[in-house]
Amino acid sequence: MWVYVVMNFAERTKIGRKMRTDFYRTLEKDGFKMVTKNLYVRYCSTQANALKHKMRVQDQIFEKYAISIILVADKQNENSYHYLGRRKTKKTRENPFKLPEMVEFF
């Protein structure tokens, strides 16, 4: 399951910029990856894990700012297309929509 966080902060004031950077840092500490300036994404293996991360993001939401949390199942995400640019990117650039590799303990 994928968790998308889409946000819109007022960047004209010093307080708005500080709130934005604090919110971005908490998302990154929680394992989200930045796709664009206002879109963060995280892969969760189960729906319960996705709901846990949704609740963590909900606890950080400020009053005035628009923040959307979207939960997308793997089957739904399989039929969506994400373009990070028109030209070919370098192979070193990490694709945030790639499924993480699973670790085997055998």
PDB file of N, CA and C in Angstrom:
ATOM      1  N   MET A   1       0.844  -1.164   0.000  1.00  0.00           N
ATOM      2  CA  MET A   1       0.000   0.000   0.000  1.00  0.00           C
ATOM      3  C   MET A   1       0.899   1.241   0.000  1.00  0.00           C
ATOM      4  N   TRP A   2       0.512   2.237  -0.760  1.00  0.00           N
ATOM      5  CA  TRP A   2       1.259   3.481  -0.883  1.00  0.00           C
ATOM      6  C   TRP A   2       0.548   4.593  -0.130  1.00  0.00           C
ATOM      7  N   VAL A   3       1.309   5.433   0.552  1.00  0.00           N
ATOM      8  CA  VAL A   3       0.765   6.595   1.245  1.00  0.00           C
ATOM      9  C   VAL A   3       1.327   7.838   0.555  1.00  0.00           C
ATOM     10  N   TYR A   4       0.439   8.643  -0.005  1.00  0.00           N
ATOM     11  CA  TYR A   4       0.814   9.903  -0.652  1.00  0.00           C
ATOM     12  C   TYR A   4       0.397  11.048   0.262  1.00  0.00           C
ATOM     13  N   VAL A   5       1.294  12.009   0.455  1.00  0.00           N
ATOM     14  CA  VAL A   5       0.977  13.214   1.218  1.00  0.00           C
ATOM     15  C   VAL A   5       1.191  14.405   0.288  1.00  0.00           C
ATOM     16  N   VAL A   6       0.102  15.122   0.023  1.00  0.00           N
ATOM     17  CA  VAL A   6       0.133  16.301  -0.835  1.00  0.00           C
ATOM     18  C   VAL A   6      -0.184  17.494   0.040  1.00  0.00           C
ATOM     19  N   MET A   7       0.638  18.551  -0.062  1.00  0.00           N
ATOM     20  CA  MET A   7       0.454  19.687   0.839  1.00  0.00           C
ATOM     21  C   MET A   7       0.629  21.013   0.116  1.00  0.00           C
ATOM     22  N   ASN A   8       0.111  22.069   0.748  1.00  0.00           N
ATOM     23  CA  ASN A   8       0.234  23.415   0.229  1.00  0.00           C
ATOM     24  C   ASN A   8       0.453  24.353   1.416  1.00  0.00           C
ATOM     25  N   PHE A   9       1.667  24.875   1.532  1.00  0.00           N
ATOM     26  CA  PHE A   9       2.009  25.778   2.620  1.00  0.00           C
ATOM     27  C   PHE A   9       2.208  27.188   2.094  1.00  0.00           C
ATOM     28  N   ALA A  10       1.906  28.178   2.922  1.00  0.00           N
ATOM     29  CA  ALA A  10       2.192  29.572   2.576  1.00  0.00           C
ATOM     30  C   ALA A  10       3.676  29.817   2.821  1.00  0.00           C
ATOM     31  N   GLU A  11       4.395  30.149   1.761  1.00  0.00           N
ATOM     32  CA  GLU A  11       5.842  30.308   1.881  1.00  0.00           C
ATOM     33  C   GLU A  11       6.263  31.767   1.936  1.00  0.00           C
ATOM     34  N   ARG A  12       5.323  32.672   2.009  1.00  0.00           N
ATOM     35  CA  ARG A  12       5.658  34.098   1.988  1.00  0.00           C
ATOM     36  C   ARG A  12       6.120  34.612   3.342  1.00  0.00           C
ATOM     37  N   THR A  13       5.695  33.969   4.391  1.00  0.00           N
ATOM     38  CA  THR A  13       6.082  34.423   5.721  1.00  0.00           C
ATOM     39  C   THR A  13       7.180  33.533   6.280  1.00  0.00           C
ATOM     40  N   LYS A  14       7.919  34.093   7.209  1.00  0.00           N
ATOM     41  CA  LYS A  14       8.997  33.337   7.849  1.00  0.00           C
ATOM     42  C   LYS A  14       8.430  32.169   8.655  1.00  0.00           C
ATOM     43  N   ILE A  15       7.295  32.389   9.298  1.00  0.00           N
ATOM     44  CA  ILE A  15       6.666  31.329  10.084  1.00  0.00           C
ATOM     45  C   ILE A  15       6.184  30.206   9.170  1.00  0.00           C
ATOM     46  N   GLY A  16       5.612  30.557   8.014  1.00  0.00           N
ATOM     47  CA  GLY A  16       5.151  29.550   7.054  1.00  0.00           C
ATOM     48  C   GLY A  16       6.287  28.701   6.530  1.00  0.00           C
ATOM     49  N   ARG A  17       7.439  29.321   6.252  1.00  0.00           N
ATOM     50  CA  ARG A  17       8.595  28.558   5.776  1.00  0.00           C
ATOM     51  C   ARG A  17       9.116  27.621   6.860  1.00  0.00           C
ATOM     52  N   LYS A  18       9.120  28.095   8.103  1.00  0.00           N
ATOM     53  CA  LYS A  18       9.596  27.250   9.203  1.00  0.00           C
ATOM     54  C   LYS A  18       8.656  26.067   9.431  1.00  0.00           C
ATOM     55  N   MET A  19       7.349  26.330   9.381  1.00  0.00           N
ATOM     56  CA  MET A  19       6.380  25.247   9.561  1.00  0.00           C
ATOM     57  C   MET A  19       6.517  24.220   8.438  1.00  0.00           C
ATOM     58  N   ARG A  20       6.739  24.701   7.218  1.00  0.00           N
ATOM     59  CA  ARG A  20       6.896  23.807   6.073  1.00  0.00           C
ATOM     60  C   ARG A  20       8.124  22.911   6.249  1.00  0.00           C
ATOM     61  N   THR A  21       9.274  23.513   6.597  1.00  0.00           N
ATOM     62  CA  THR A  21      10.488  22.704   6.731  1.00  0.00           C
ATOM     63  C   THR A  21      10.375  21.719   7.899  1.00  0.00           C
ATOM     64  N   ASP A  22       9.738  22.119   8.986  1.00  0.00           N
ATOM     65  CA  ASP A  22       9.537  21.197  10.107  1.00  0.00           C
ATOM     66  C   ASP A  22       8.658  20.019   9.691  1.00  0.00           C
ATOM     67  N   PHE A  23       7.611  20.305   8.924  1.00  0.00           N
ATOM     68  CA  PHE A  23       6.716  19.242   8.470  1.00  0.00           C
ATOM     69  C   PHE A  23       7.439  18.307   7.517  1.00  0.00           C
ATOM     70  N   TYR A  24       8.249  18.854   6.600  1.00  0.00           N
ATOM     71  CA  TYR A  24       9.021  18.028   5.668  1.00  0.00           C
ATOM     72  C   TYR A  24      10.003  17.135   6.415  1.00  0.00           C
ATOM     73  N   ARG A  25      10.641  17.682   7.426  1.00  0.00           N
ATOM     74  CA  ARG A  25      11.611  16.884   8.199  1.00  0.00           C
ATOM     75  C   ARG A  25      10.940  15.737   8.931  1.00  0.00           C
ATOM     76  N   THR A  26       9.757  15.986   9.492  1.00  0.00           N
ATOM     77  CA  THR A  26       9.067  14.889  10.186  1.00  0.00           C
ATOM     78  C   THR A  26       8.633  13.813   9.197  1.00  0.00           C
ATOM     79  N   LEU A  27       8.242  14.214   7.984  1.00  0.00           N
ATOM     80  CA  LEU A  27       7.891  13.220   6.967  1.00  0.00           C
ATOM     81  C   LEU A  27       9.112  12.388   6.582  1.00  0.00           C
ATOM     82  N   GLU A  28      10.247  13.031   6.402  1.00  0.00           N
ATOM     83  CA  GLU A  28      11.456  12.310   6.022  1.00  0.00           C
ATOM     84  C   GLU A  28      11.935  11.385   7.139  1.00  0.00           C
ATOM     85  N   LYS A  29      11.770  11.799   8.396  1.00  0.00           N
ATOM     86  CA  LYS A  29      12.132  10.931   9.519  1.00  0.00           C
ATOM     87  C   LYS A  29      11.223   9.706   9.582  1.00  0.00           C
ATOM     88  N   ASP A  30       9.988   9.865   9.114  1.00  0.00           N
ATOM     89  CA  ASP A  30       9.020   8.773   9.125  1.00  0.00           C
ATOM     90  C   ASP A  30       9.180   7.846   7.921  1.00  0.00           C
ATOM     91  N   GLY A  31      10.114   8.150   7.016  1.00  0.00           N
ATOM     92  CA  GLY A  31      10.395   7.254   5.911  1.00  0.00           C
ATOM     93  C   GLY A  31       9.792   7.667   4.582  1.00  0.00           C
ATOM     94  N   PHE A  32       9.195   8.846   4.507  1.00  0.00           N
ATOM     95  CA  PHE A  32       8.638   9.326   3.252  1.00  0.00           C
ATOM     96  C   PHE A  32       9.762   9.849   2.367  1.00  0.00           C
ATOM     97  N   LYS A  33       9.543   9.749   1.047  1.00  0.00           N
ATOM     98  CA  LYS A  33      10.509  10.271   0.078  1.00  0.00           C
ATOM     99  C   LYS A  33       9.856  11.384  -0.709  1.00  0.00           C
ATOM    100  N   MET A  34      10.627  12.434  -0.964  1.00  0.00           N
ATOM    101  CA  MET A  34      10.100  13.568  -1.705  1.00  0.00           C
ATOM    102  C   MET A  34      10.089  13.248  -3.198  1.00  0.00           C
ATOM    103  N   VAL A  35       8.922  13.415  -3.833  1.00  0.00           N
ATOM    104  CA  VAL A  35       8.796  13.255  -5.268  1.00  0.00           C
ATOM    105  C   VAL A  35       8.888  14.630  -5.917  1.00  0.00           C
ATOM    106  N   THR A  36       8.087  15.557  -5.456  1.00  0.00           N
ATOM    107  CA  THR A  36       8.176  16.965  -5.839  1.00  0.00           C
ATOM    108  C   THR A  36       8.183  17.774  -4.559  1.00  0.00           C
ATOM    109  N   LYS A  37       8.192  19.084  -4.715  1.00  0.00           N
ATOM    110  CA  LYS A  37       8.274  19.959  -3.546  1.00  0.00           C
ATOM    111  C   LYS A  37       7.115  19.746  -2.576  1.00  0.00           C
ATOM    112  N   ASN A  38       5.929  19.468  -3.092  1.00  0.00           N
ATOM    113  CA  ASN A  38       4.747  19.334  -2.247  1.00  0.00           C
ATOM    114  C   ASN A  38       4.139  17.936  -2.267  1.00  0.00           C
ATOM    115  N   LEU A  39       4.891  16.934  -2.702  1.00  0.00           N
ATOM    116  CA  LEU A  39       4.385  15.563  -2.749  1.00  0.00           C
ATOM    117  C   LEU A  39       5.420  14.618  -2.156  1.00  0.00           C
ATOM    118  N   TYR A  40       5.001  13.912  -1.130  1.00  0.00           N
ATOM    119  CA  TYR A  40       5.842  12.895  -0.498  1.00  0.00           C
ATOM    120  C   TYR A  40       5.131  11.556  -0.599  1.00  0.00           C
ATOM    121  N   VAL A  41       5.905  10.482  -0.720  1.00  0.00           N
ATOM    122  CA  VAL A  41       5.334   9.152  -0.891  1.00  0.00           C
ATOM    123  C   VAL A  41       6.098   8.155  -0.020  1.00  0.00           C
ATOM    124  N   ARG A  42       5.359   7.123   0.436  1.00  0.00           N
ATOM    125  CA  ARG A  42       5.970   6.067   1.242  1.00  0.00           C
ATOM    126  C   ARG A  42       5.265   4.757   0.937  1.00  0.00           C
ATOM    127  N   TYR A  43       6.036   3.682   0.837  1.00  0.00           N
ATOM    128  CA  TYR A  43       5.464   2.356   0.634  1.00  0.00           C
ATOM    129  C   TYR A  43       5.314   1.659   1.981  1.00  0.00           C
ATOM    130  N   CYS A  44       4.154   1.055   2.201  1.00  0.00           N
ATOM    131  CA  CYS A  44       3.897   0.285   3.418  1.00  0.00           C
ATOM    132  C   CYS A  44       3.478  -1.123   3.002  1.00  0.00           C
ATOM    133  N   SER A  45       3.948  -2.106   3.724  1.00  0.00           N
ATOM    134  CA  SER A  45       3.687  -3.494   3.339  1.00  0.00           C
ATOM    135  C   SER A  45       2.259  -3.933   3.664  1.00  0.00           C
ATOM    136  N   THR A  46       1.649  -3.365   4.687  1.00  0.00           N
ATOM    137  CA  THR A  46       0.289  -3.749   5.063  1.00  0.00           C
ATOM    138  C   THR A  46      -0.582  -2.505   5.205  1.00  0.00           C
ATOM    139  N   GLN A  47      -1.887  -2.733   5.209  1.00  0.00           N
ATOM    140  CA  GLN A  47      -2.805  -1.613   5.378  1.00  0.00           C
ATOM    141  C   GLN A  47      -2.727  -1.059   6.803  1.00  0.00           C
ATOM    142  N   ALA A  48      -2.509  -1.907   7.778  1.00  0.00           N
ATOM    143  CA  ALA A  48      -2.383  -1.449   9.158  1.00  0.00           C
ATOM    144  C   ALA A  48      -1.167  -0.535   9.317  1.00  0.00           C
ATOM    145  N   ASN A  49      -0.068  -0.886   8.662  1.00  0.00           N
ATOM    146  CA  ASN A  49       1.131  -0.053   8.699  1.00  0.00           C
ATOM    147  C   ASN A  49       0.871   1.289   8.020  1.00  0.00           C
ATOM    148  N   ALA A  50       0.134   1.277   6.904  1.00  0.00           N
ATOM    149  CA  ALA A  50      -0.202   2.517   6.204  1.00  0.00           C
ATOM    150  C   ALA A  50      -1.079   3.411   7.065  1.00  0.00           C
ATOM    151  N   LEU A  51      -2.029   2.821   7.772  1.00  0.00           N
ATOM    152  CA  LEU A  51      -2.898   3.614   8.656  1.00  0.00           C
ATOM    153  C   LEU A  51      -2.107   4.219   9.812  1.00  0.00           C
ATOM    154  N   LYS A  52      -1.100   3.490  10.288  1.00  0.00           N
ATOM    155  CA  LYS A  52      -0.248   4.010  11.365  1.00  0.00           C
ATOM    156  C   LYS A  52       0.504   5.255  10.894  1.00  0.00           C
ATOM    157  N   HIS A  53       1.047   5.206   9.671  1.00  0.00           N
ATOM    158  CA  HIS A  53       1.763   6.354   9.148  1.00  0.00           C
ATOM    159  C   HIS A  53       0.817   7.506   8.820  1.00  0.00           C
ATOM    160  N   LYS A  54      -0.402   7.178   8.413  1.00  0.00           N
ATOM    161  CA  LYS A  54      -1.411   8.216   8.168  1.00  0.00           C
ATOM    162  C   LYS A  54      -1.728   8.956   9.466  1.00  0.00           C
ATOM    163  N   MET A  55      -1.851   8.221  10.564  1.00  0.00           N
ATOM    164  CA  MET A  55      -2.135   8.846  11.858  1.00  0.00           C
ATOM    165  C   MET A  55      -0.976   9.726  12.310  1.00  0.00           C
ATOM    166  N   ARG A  56       0.260   9.296  12.037  1.00  0.00           N
ATOM    167  CA  ARG A  56       1.421  10.115  12.397  1.00  0.00           C
ATOM    168  C   ARG A  56       1.406  11.439  11.643  1.00  0.00           C
ATOM    169  N   VAL A  57       1.054  11.379  10.356  1.00  0.00           N
ATOM    170  CA  VAL A  57       0.993  12.608   9.560  1.00  0.00           C
ATOM    171  C   VAL A  57      -0.149  13.480  10.052  1.00  0.00           C
ATOM    172  N   GLN A  58      -1.285  12.878  10.387  1.00  0.00           N
ATOM    173  CA  GLN A  58      -2.435  13.635  10.875  1.00  0.00           C
ATOM    174  C   GLN A  58      -2.101  14.406  12.152  1.00  0.00           C
ATOM    175  N   ASP A  59      -1.270  13.837  12.997  1.00  0.00           N
ATOM    176  CA  ASP A  59      -0.898  14.514  14.243  1.00  0.00           C
ATOM    177  C   ASP A  59      -0.054  15.754  13.991  1.00  0.00           C
ATOM    178  N   GLN A  60       0.594  15.852  12.825  1.00  0.00           N
ATOM    179  CA  GLN A  60       1.475  16.974  12.509  1.00  0.00           C
ATOM    180  C   GLN A  60       0.792  18.079  11.711  1.00  0.00           C
ATOM    181  N   ILE A  61      -0.484  17.909  11.346  1.00  0.00           N
ATOM    182  CA  ILE A  61      -1.168  18.869  10.472  1.00  0.00           C
ATOM    183  C   ILE A  61      -1.460  20.157  11.227  1.00  0.00           C
ATOM    184  N   PHE A  62      -1.224  21.275  10.556  1.00  0.00           N
ATOM    185  CA  PHE A  62      -1.510  22.591  11.106  1.00  0.00           C
ATOM    186  C   PHE A  62      -2.916  23.019  10.702  1.00  0.00           C
ATOM    187  N   GLU A  63      -3.442  24.031  11.371  1.00  0.00           N
ATOM    188  CA  GLU A  63      -4.815  24.465  11.147  1.00  0.00           C
ATOM    189  C   GLU A  63      -5.075  25.026   9.760  1.00  0.00           C
ATOM    190  N   LYS A  64      -4.260  25.965   9.309  1.00  0.00           N
ATOM    191  CA  LYS A  64      -4.586  26.741   8.120  1.00  0.00           C
ATOM    192  C   LYS A  64      -4.189  26.103   6.800  1.00  0.00           C
ATOM    193  N   TYR A  65      -3.367  25.100   6.806  1.00  0.00           N
ATOM    194  CA  TYR A  65      -2.772  24.621   5.570  1.00  0.00           C
ATOM    195  C   TYR A  65      -3.483  23.390   5.027  1.00  0.00           C
ATOM    196  N   ALA A  66      -3.524  23.299   3.709  1.00  0.00           N
ATOM    197  CA  ALA A  66      -4.203  22.187   3.043  1.00  0.00           C
ATOM    198  C   ALA A  66      -3.238  21.020   2.882  1.00  0.00           C
ATOM    199  N   ILE A  67      -3.576  19.901   3.503  1.00  0.00           N
ATOM    200  CA  ILE A  67      -2.763  18.691   3.409  1.00  0.00           C
ATOM    201  C   ILE A  67      -3.701  17.536   3.104  1.00  0.00           C
ATOM    202  N   SER A  68      -3.388  16.781   2.057  1.00  0.00           N
ATOM    203  CA  SER A  68      -4.190  15.618   1.677  1.00  0.00           C
ATOM    204  C   SER A  68      -3.352  14.362   1.862  1.00  0.00           C
ATOM    205  N   ILE A  69      -3.964  13.335   2.443  1.00  0.00           N
ATOM    206  CA  ILE A  69      -3.314  12.041   2.616  1.00  0.00           C
ATOM    207  C   ILE A  69      -4.108  11.043   1.778  1.00  0.00           C
ATOM    208  N   ILE A  70      -3.423  10.382   0.852  1.00  0.00           N
ATOM    209  CA  ILE A  70      -4.081   9.462  -0.058  1.00  0.00           C
ATOM    210  C   ILE A  70      -3.466   8.079   0.126  1.00  0.00           C
ATOM    211  N   LEU A  71      -4.305   7.086   0.378  1.00  0.00           N
ATOM    212  CA  LEU A  71      -3.854   5.706   0.499  1.00  0.00           C
ATOM    213  C   LEU A  71      -4.221   4.974  -0.790  1.00  0.00           C
ATOM    214  N   VAL A  72      -3.227   4.363  -1.426  1.00  0.00           N
ATOM    215  CA  VAL A  72      -3.421   3.698  -2.709  1.00  0.00           C
ATOM    216  C   VAL A  72      -2.923   2.263  -2.593  1.00  0.00           C
ATOM    217  N   ALA A  73      -3.764   1.319  -2.975  1.00  0.00           N
ATOM    218  CA  ALA A  73      -3.372  -0.092  -2.939  1.00  0.00           C
ATOM    219  C   ALA A  73      -2.391  -0.375  -4.077  1.00  0.00           C
ATOM    220  N   ASP A  74      -1.654  -1.475  -3.955  1.00  0.00           N
ATOM    221  CA  ASP A  74      -0.676  -1.848  -4.984  1.00  0.00           C
ATOM    222  C   ASP A  74      -1.340  -2.058  -6.342  1.00  0.00           C
ATOM    223  N   LYS A  75      -2.511  -2.651  -6.353  1.00  0.00           N
ATOM    224  CA  LYS A  75      -3.212  -2.902  -7.609  1.00  0.00           C
ATOM    225  C   LYS A  75      -3.611  -1.587  -8.275  1.00  0.00           C
ATOM    226  N   GLN A  76      -4.021  -0.599  -7.492  1.00  0.00           N
ATOM    227  CA  GLN A  76      -4.377   0.710  -8.046  1.00  0.00           C
ATOM    228  C   GLN A  76      -3.137   1.442  -8.540  1.00  0.00           C
ATOM    229  N   ASN A  77      -2.040   1.340  -7.807  1.00  0.00           N
ATOM    230  CA  ASN A  77      -0.804   2.022  -8.185  1.00  0.00           C
ATOM    231  C   ASN A  77      -0.173   1.380  -9.416  1.00  0.00           C
ATOM    232  N   GLU A  78      -0.458   0.100  -9.632  1.00  0.00           N
ATOM    233  CA  GLU A  78       0.094  -0.614 -10.776  1.00  0.00           C
ATOM    234  C   GLU A  78      -0.395  -0.015 -12.101  1.00  0.00           C
ATOM    235  N   ASN A  79      -1.593   0.539 -12.113  1.00  0.00           N
ATOM    236  CA  ASN A  79      -2.167   1.106 -13.324  1.00  0.00           C
ATOM    237  C   ASN A  79      -1.956   2.611 -13.446  1.00  0.00           C
ATOM    238  N   SER A  80      -1.181   3.192 -12.564  1.00  0.00           N
ATOM    239  CA  SER A  80      -0.914   4.627 -12.654  1.00  0.00           C
ATOM    240  C   SER A  80       0.465   4.846 -13.273  1.00  0.00           C
ATOM    241  N   TYR A  81       0.647   5.987 -13.874  1.00  0.00           N
ATOM    242  CA  TYR A  81       1.896   6.313 -14.548  1.00  0.00           C
ATOM    243  C   TYR A  81       2.491   7.555 -13.916  1.00  0.00           C
ATOM    244  N   HIS A  82       3.769   7.487 -13.597  1.00  0.00           N
ATOM    245  CA  HIS A  82       4.466   8.591 -12.956  1.00  0.00           C
ATOM    246  C   HIS A  82       5.668   8.957 -13.818  1.00  0.00           C
ATOM    247  N   TYR A  83       5.719  10.178 -14.256  1.00  0.00           N
ATOM    248  CA  TYR A  83       6.827  10.655 -15.067  1.00  0.00           C
ATOM    249  C   TYR A  83       7.599  11.691 -14.271  1.00  0.00           C
ATOM    250  N   LEU A  84       8.893  11.458 -14.130  1.00  0.00           N
ATOM    251  CA  LEU A  84       9.740  12.368 -13.381  1.00  0.00           C
ATOM    252  C   LEU A  84      10.490  13.325 -14.306  1.00  0.00           C
ATOM    253  N   GLY A  85      10.171  13.315 -15.566  1.00  0.00           N
ATOM    254  CA  GLY A  85      10.818  14.180 -16.543  1.00  0.00           C
ATOM    255  C   GLY A  85      10.640  13.605 -17.929  1.00  0.00           C
ATOM    256  N   ARG A  86      11.005  14.360 -18.937  1.00  0.00           N
ATOM    257  CA  ARG A  86      10.818  13.901 -20.310  1.00  0.00           C
ATOM    258  C   ARG A  86      12.041  13.147 -20.820  1.00  0.00           C
ATOM    259  N   ARG A  87      13.213  13.577 -20.444  1.00  0.00           N
ATOM    260  CA  ARG A  87      14.439  12.928 -20.915  1.00  0.00           C
ATOM    261  C   ARG A  87      14.799  11.778 -19.996  1.00  0.00           C
ATOM    262  N   LYS A  88      15.669  10.935 -20.503  1.00  0.00           N
ATOM    263  CA  LYS A  88      16.128   9.828 -19.673  1.00  0.00           C
ATOM    264  C   LYS A  88      16.931  10.388 -18.507  1.00  0.00           C
ATOM    265  N   THR A  89      16.709   9.829 -17.330  1.00  0.00           N
ATOM    266  CA  THR A  89      17.444  10.273 -16.151  1.00  0.00           C
ATOM    267  C   THR A  89      18.672   9.399 -15.964  1.00  0.00           C
ATOM    268  N   LYS A  90      19.592   9.874 -15.164  1.00  0.00           N
ATOM    269  CA  LYS A  90      20.782   9.090 -14.857  1.00  0.00           C
ATOM    270  C   LYS A  90      20.382   7.856 -14.063  1.00  0.00           C
ATOM    271  N   LYS A  91      21.135   6.808 -14.213  1.00  0.00           N
ATOM    272  CA  LYS A  91      20.808   5.571 -13.515  1.00  0.00           C
ATOM    273  C   LYS A  91      21.020   5.688 -12.012  1.00  0.00           C
ATOM    274  N   THR A  92      21.763   6.683 -11.576  1.00  0.00           N
ATOM    275  CA  THR A  92      22.014   6.836 -10.150  1.00  0.00           C
ATOM    276  C   THR A  92      20.829   7.458  -9.433  1.00  0.00           C
ATOM    277  N   ARG A  93      19.916   8.100 -10.178  1.00  0.00           N
ATOM    278  CA  ARG A  93      18.762   8.732  -9.541  1.00  0.00           C
ATOM    279  C   ARG A  93      17.785   7.656  -9.083  1.00  0.00           C
ATOM    280  N   GLU A  94      17.370   7.756  -7.842  1.00  0.00           N
ATOM    281  CA  GLU A  94      16.502   6.745  -7.260  1.00  0.00           C
ATOM    282  C   GLU A  94      15.048   7.032  -7.621  1.00  0.00           C
ATOM    283  N   ASN A  95      14.329   6.013  -8.054  1.00  0.00           N
ATOM    284  CA  ASN A  95      12.922   6.149  -8.378  1.00  0.00           C
ATOM    285  C   ASN A  95      12.110   5.920  -7.101  1.00  0.00           C
ATOM    286  N   PRO A  96      11.356   6.921  -6.615  1.00  0.00           N
ATOM    287  CA  PRO A  96      10.628   6.755  -5.356  1.00  0.00           C
ATOM    288  C   PRO A  96       9.437   5.808  -5.467  1.00  0.00           C
ATOM    289  N   PHE A  97       9.025   5.446  -6.687  1.00  0.00           N
ATOM    290  CA  PHE A  97       7.865   4.589  -6.857  1.00  0.00           C
ATOM    291  C   PHE A  97       8.234   3.120  -7.006  1.00  0.00           C
ATOM    292  N   LYS A  98       9.515   2.802  -6.955  1.00  0.00           N
ATOM    293  CA  LYS A  98       9.965   1.419  -7.053  1.00  0.00           C
ATOM    294  C   LYS A  98       9.711   0.713  -5.725  1.00  0.00           C
ATOM    295  N   LEU A  99       9.223  -0.512  -5.794  1.00  0.00           N
ATOM    296  CA  LEU A  99       8.975  -1.268  -4.572  1.00  0.00           C
ATOM    297  C   LEU A  99      10.291  -1.536  -3.857  1.00  0.00           C
ATOM    298  N   PRO A 100      10.318  -1.398  -2.554  1.00  0.00           N
ATOM    299  CA  PRO A 100      11.551  -1.697  -1.826  1.00  0.00           C
ATOM    300  C   PRO A 100      11.851  -3.189  -1.865  1.00  0.00           C
ATOM    301  N   GLU A 101      13.122  -3.507  -1.828  1.00  0.00           N
ATOM    302  CA  GLU A 101      13.529  -4.909  -1.841  1.00  0.00           C
ATOM    303  C   GLU A 101      13.226  -5.543  -0.488  1.00  0.00           C
ATOM    304  N   MET A 102      12.751  -6.763  -0.537  1.00  0.00           N
ATOM    305  CA  MET A 102      12.417  -7.459   0.703  1.00  0.00           C
ATOM    306  C   MET A 102      13.649  -8.189   1.217  1.00  0.00           C
ATOM    307  N   VAL A 103      13.779  -8.266   2.503  1.00  0.00           N
ATOM    308  CA  VAL A 103      14.908  -8.930   3.128  1.00  0.00           C
ATOM    309  C   VAL A 103      14.493 -10.348   3.506  1.00  0.00           C
ATOM    310  N   GLU A 104      15.326 -11.319   3.159  1.00  0.00           N
ATOM    311  CA  GLU A 104      15.041 -12.702   3.507  1.00  0.00           C
ATOM    312  C   GLU A 104      15.909 -13.109   4.693  1.00  0.00           C
ATOM    313  N   PHE A 105      15.333 -13.809   5.624  1.00  0.00           N
ATOM    314  CA  PHE A 105      16.056 -14.220   6.823  1.00  0.00           C
ATOM    315  C   PHE A 105      16.313 -15.721   6.852  1.00  0.00           C
ATOM    316  N   PHE A 106      16.430 -16.340   5.696  1.00  0.00           N
ATOM    317  CA  PHE A 106      16.635 -17.804   5.656  1.00  0.00           C
ATOM    318  C   PHE A 106      18.007 -18.126   5.173  1.00  0.00           C
TER     319      PHE A 106
END
